[in-house]
Amino acid sequence: MRPNAWVGLASIILGVSYGIQAIGLPRAPIGNPMAPIYFPLGLAGLMVFLGALLFITEARKGLNSDDKNKRPKFHFESMKLIFAVILFCLIYTVLFERLGFVLSTIIFLMSMLMVVNGAKKWVQNAVITVGFSLGAWYLFVQVFQISLPTSPFGIL
């Protein structure tokens, strides 16, 4: 099976499990009791739909492939990237409550961009990282008025 088909299958499984967890969310005591569940269920449905679309597309490519040498190969570099992403996600979850949203997101995104873009583009990586982190914080805290974990250092 093609590597992207595996990603599609993983997205389907993750979407279904996320949807099951979303159904178990507590109901709102005031107003529409299902209101807190709509967004997570929509996200789960989107994950399942896009995962299925990717899986079907990749399965068709695999069936139509006449030359087995044209099939993409799984390289060691891909495995390093996968493990780096998993490691950075785990570190992000540990730092999120301790350092707050802004600092932990800056550390996470900078780490990810350094792996993907390389250290030579550190200025570009830093601008994207800080801009995204502050923009997301402003959107959630100031516009949507959703509280996010704050830094113990008094920074956002």
Protein backbone atom coordinates (compact mmCIF):
# COMPACT_ATOMS: atom_id res chain seq x y z
CA MET A 1 0.00 0.00 0.00
CA ARG A 2 1.23 3.52 -0.78
CA PRO A 3 2.44 5.64 2.19
CA ASN A 4 -0.26 8.29 1.70
CA ALA A 5 -2.91 5.58 1.83
CA TRP A 6 -1.66 4.73 5.33
CA VAL A 7 -2.00 8.40 6.29
CA GLY A 8 -5.58 8.38 4.99
CA LEU A 9 -6.38 5.24 6.94
CA ALA A 10 -4.86 6.72 10.12
CA SER A 11 -6.95 9.86 9.61
CA ILE A 12 -10.11 7.79 9.33
CA ILE A 13 -9.31 5.89 12.53
CA LEU A 14 -8.37 9.07 14.39
CA GLY A 15 -11.51 10.86 13.15
CA VAL A 16 -13.80 8.04 14.23
CA SER A 17 -12.20 7.80 17.69
CA TYR A 18 -12.32 11.61 18.05
CA GLY A 19 -16.00 11.57 17.07
CA ILE A 20 -16.78 8.90 19.65
CA GLN A 21 -15.03 10.98 22.31
CA ALA A 22 -16.88 14.12 21.16
CA ILE A 23 -20.24 12.41 21.64
CA GLY A 24 -19.28 11.84 25.28
CA LEU A 25 -18.71 15.57 25.96
CA PRO A 26 -20.97 17.10 28.63
CA ARG A 27 -24.12 18.82 27.42
CA ALA A 28 -24.64 22.55 27.92
CA PRO A 29 -26.91 23.34 30.88
CA ILE A 30 -28.23 26.51 29.23
CA GLY A 31 -29.41 26.96 25.66
CA ASN A 32 -28.89 24.22 23.11
CA PRO A 33 -27.55 21.22 25.03
CA MET A 34 -25.76 19.90 21.93
CA ALA A 35 -23.94 23.19 21.17
CA PRO A 36 -20.57 22.14 22.70
CA ILE A 37 -20.59 18.99 20.57
CA TYR A 38 -21.20 20.48 17.12
CA PHE A 39 -17.66 21.69 16.40
CA PRO A 40 -15.82 18.52 17.58
CA LEU A 41 -18.25 16.33 15.64
CA GLY A 42 -17.81 18.48 12.55
CA LEU A 43 -14.06 18.19 12.91
CA ALA A 44 -14.31 14.42 13.31
CA GLY A 45 -16.50 14.18 10.23
CA LEU A 46 -14.06 16.29 8.23
CA MET A 47 -11.15 14.09 9.35
CA VAL A 48 -12.99 10.95 8.29
CA PHE A 49 -14.07 12.46 4.97
CA LEU A 50 -10.60 13.77 4.04
CA GLY A 51 -8.95 10.56 5.22
CA ALA A 52 -11.31 8.49 3.09
CA LEU A 53 -10.72 10.78 0.12
CA LEU A 54 -6.95 10.42 0.49
CA PHE A 55 -7.19 6.67 0.98
CA ILE A 56 -9.38 6.17 -2.10
CA THR A 57 -7.22 8.46 -4.24
CA GLU A 58 -4.05 6.64 -3.25
CA ALA A 59 -5.67 3.24 -3.68
CA ARG A 60 -6.65 4.15 -7.25
CA LYS A 61 -3.12 5.32 -8.00
CA GLY A 62 -1.80 2.03 -6.69
CA LEU A 63 -4.19 0.01 -8.86
CA ASN A 64 -3.40 2.01 -12.00
CA SER A 65 0.34 1.79 -11.55
CA ASP A 66 1.83 -0.42 -14.28
CA ASP A 67 5.43 0.06 -13.29
CA LYS A 68 6.31 -1.09 -9.78
CA ASN A 69 9.54 0.97 -9.91
CA LYS A 70 7.51 4.20 -9.97
CA ARG A 71 6.02 3.48 -6.57
CA PRO A 72 7.30 5.82 -3.87
CA LYS A 73 9.79 4.29 -1.49
CA PHE A 74 9.78 4.76 2.24
CA HIS A 75 13.08 6.39 3.23
CA PHE A 76 14.88 6.60 6.53
CA GLU A 77 14.55 10.40 6.36
CA SER A 78 10.76 10.01 6.45
CA MET A 79 11.00 7.91 9.60
CA LYS A 80 13.21 10.54 11.26
CA LEU A 81 10.67 13.23 10.43
CA ILE A 82 7.79 11.14 11.78
CA PHE A 83 9.57 10.46 15.06
CA ALA A 84 10.61 14.10 15.38
CA VAL A 85 6.99 15.21 14.98
CA ILE A 86 5.81 12.70 17.58
CA LEU A 87 8.56 13.78 19.99
CA PHE A 88 7.80 17.50 19.54
CA CYS A 89 4.07 16.88 20.04
CA LEU A 90 4.76 15.05 23.30
CA ILE A 91 7.04 17.83 24.51
CA TYR A 92 4.40 20.40 23.52
CA THR A 93 1.75 18.64 25.62
CA VAL A 94 4.08 18.66 28.63
CA LEU A 95 5.03 22.33 28.22
CA PHE A 96 1.55 23.64 27.36
CA GLU A 97 0.22 23.97 30.92
CA ARG A 98 3.61 24.82 32.44
CA LEU A 99 4.71 27.59 30.04
CA GLY A 100 1.37 28.73 28.69
CA PHE A 101 0.02 28.80 25.17
CA VAL A 102 2.28 31.42 23.61
CA LEU A 103 5.67 30.22 24.84
CA SER A 104 4.97 26.51 24.35
CA THR A 105 3.57 27.13 20.87
CA ILE A 106 6.62 29.21 19.92
CA ILE A 107 8.93 26.41 21.09
CA PHE A 108 6.87 23.75 19.31
CA LEU A 109 6.54 25.58 15.99
CA MET A 110 10.18 26.69 15.96
CA SER A 111 11.27 23.09 16.56
CA MET A 112 9.02 21.83 13.79
CA LEU A 113 10.10 24.48 11.31
CA MET A 114 13.77 23.88 12.07
CA VAL A 115 13.31 20.23 11.20
CA VAL A 116 11.29 20.92 8.05
CA ASN A 117 12.94 24.13 6.74
CA GLY A 118 16.39 23.72 8.23
CA ALA A 119 18.44 25.96 10.47
CA LYS A 120 19.55 28.18 7.58
CA LYS A 121 16.06 29.72 7.45
CA TRP A 122 15.98 30.54 11.17
CA VAL A 123 14.86 34.14 10.63
CA GLN A 124 11.93 33.08 8.45
CA ASN A 125 11.10 30.30 10.92
CA ALA A 126 11.17 32.73 13.85
CA VAL A 127 8.94 35.29 12.11
CA ILE A 128 6.38 32.63 11.17
CA THR A 129 6.50 31.07 14.64
CA VAL A 130 6.06 34.28 16.62
CA GLY A 131 3.50 35.69 14.18
CA PHE A 132 1.37 32.56 14.26
CA SER A 133 1.58 32.15 18.03
CA LEU A 134 0.66 35.75 18.80
CA GLY A 135 -2.00 35.81 16.08
CA ALA A 136 -3.63 32.64 17.37
CA TRP A 137 -3.47 33.95 20.95
CA TYR A 138 -5.11 37.23 19.91
CA LEU A 139 -7.81 35.43 17.94
CA PHE A 140 -8.74 33.08 20.77
CA VAL A 141 -8.32 35.39 23.77
CA GLN A 142 -9.33 38.78 22.40
CA VAL A 143 -11.78 37.93 19.60
CA PHE A 144 -13.40 34.65 20.73
CA GLN A 145 -12.80 35.39 24.44
CA ILE A 146 -11.57 31.86 25.12
CA SER A 147 -9.03 31.67 27.93
CA LEU A 148 -5.77 29.90 27.19
CA PRO A 149 -3.09 28.82 29.66
CA THR A 150 -0.82 31.76 30.49
CA SER A 151 2.87 31.83 31.19
CA PRO A 152 4.02 31.77 34.83
CA PHE A 153 6.47 34.52 33.80
CA GLY A 154 3.68 37.01 33.16
CA ILE A 155 4.10 36.89 29.37
CA LEU A 156 0.68 36.61 27.73
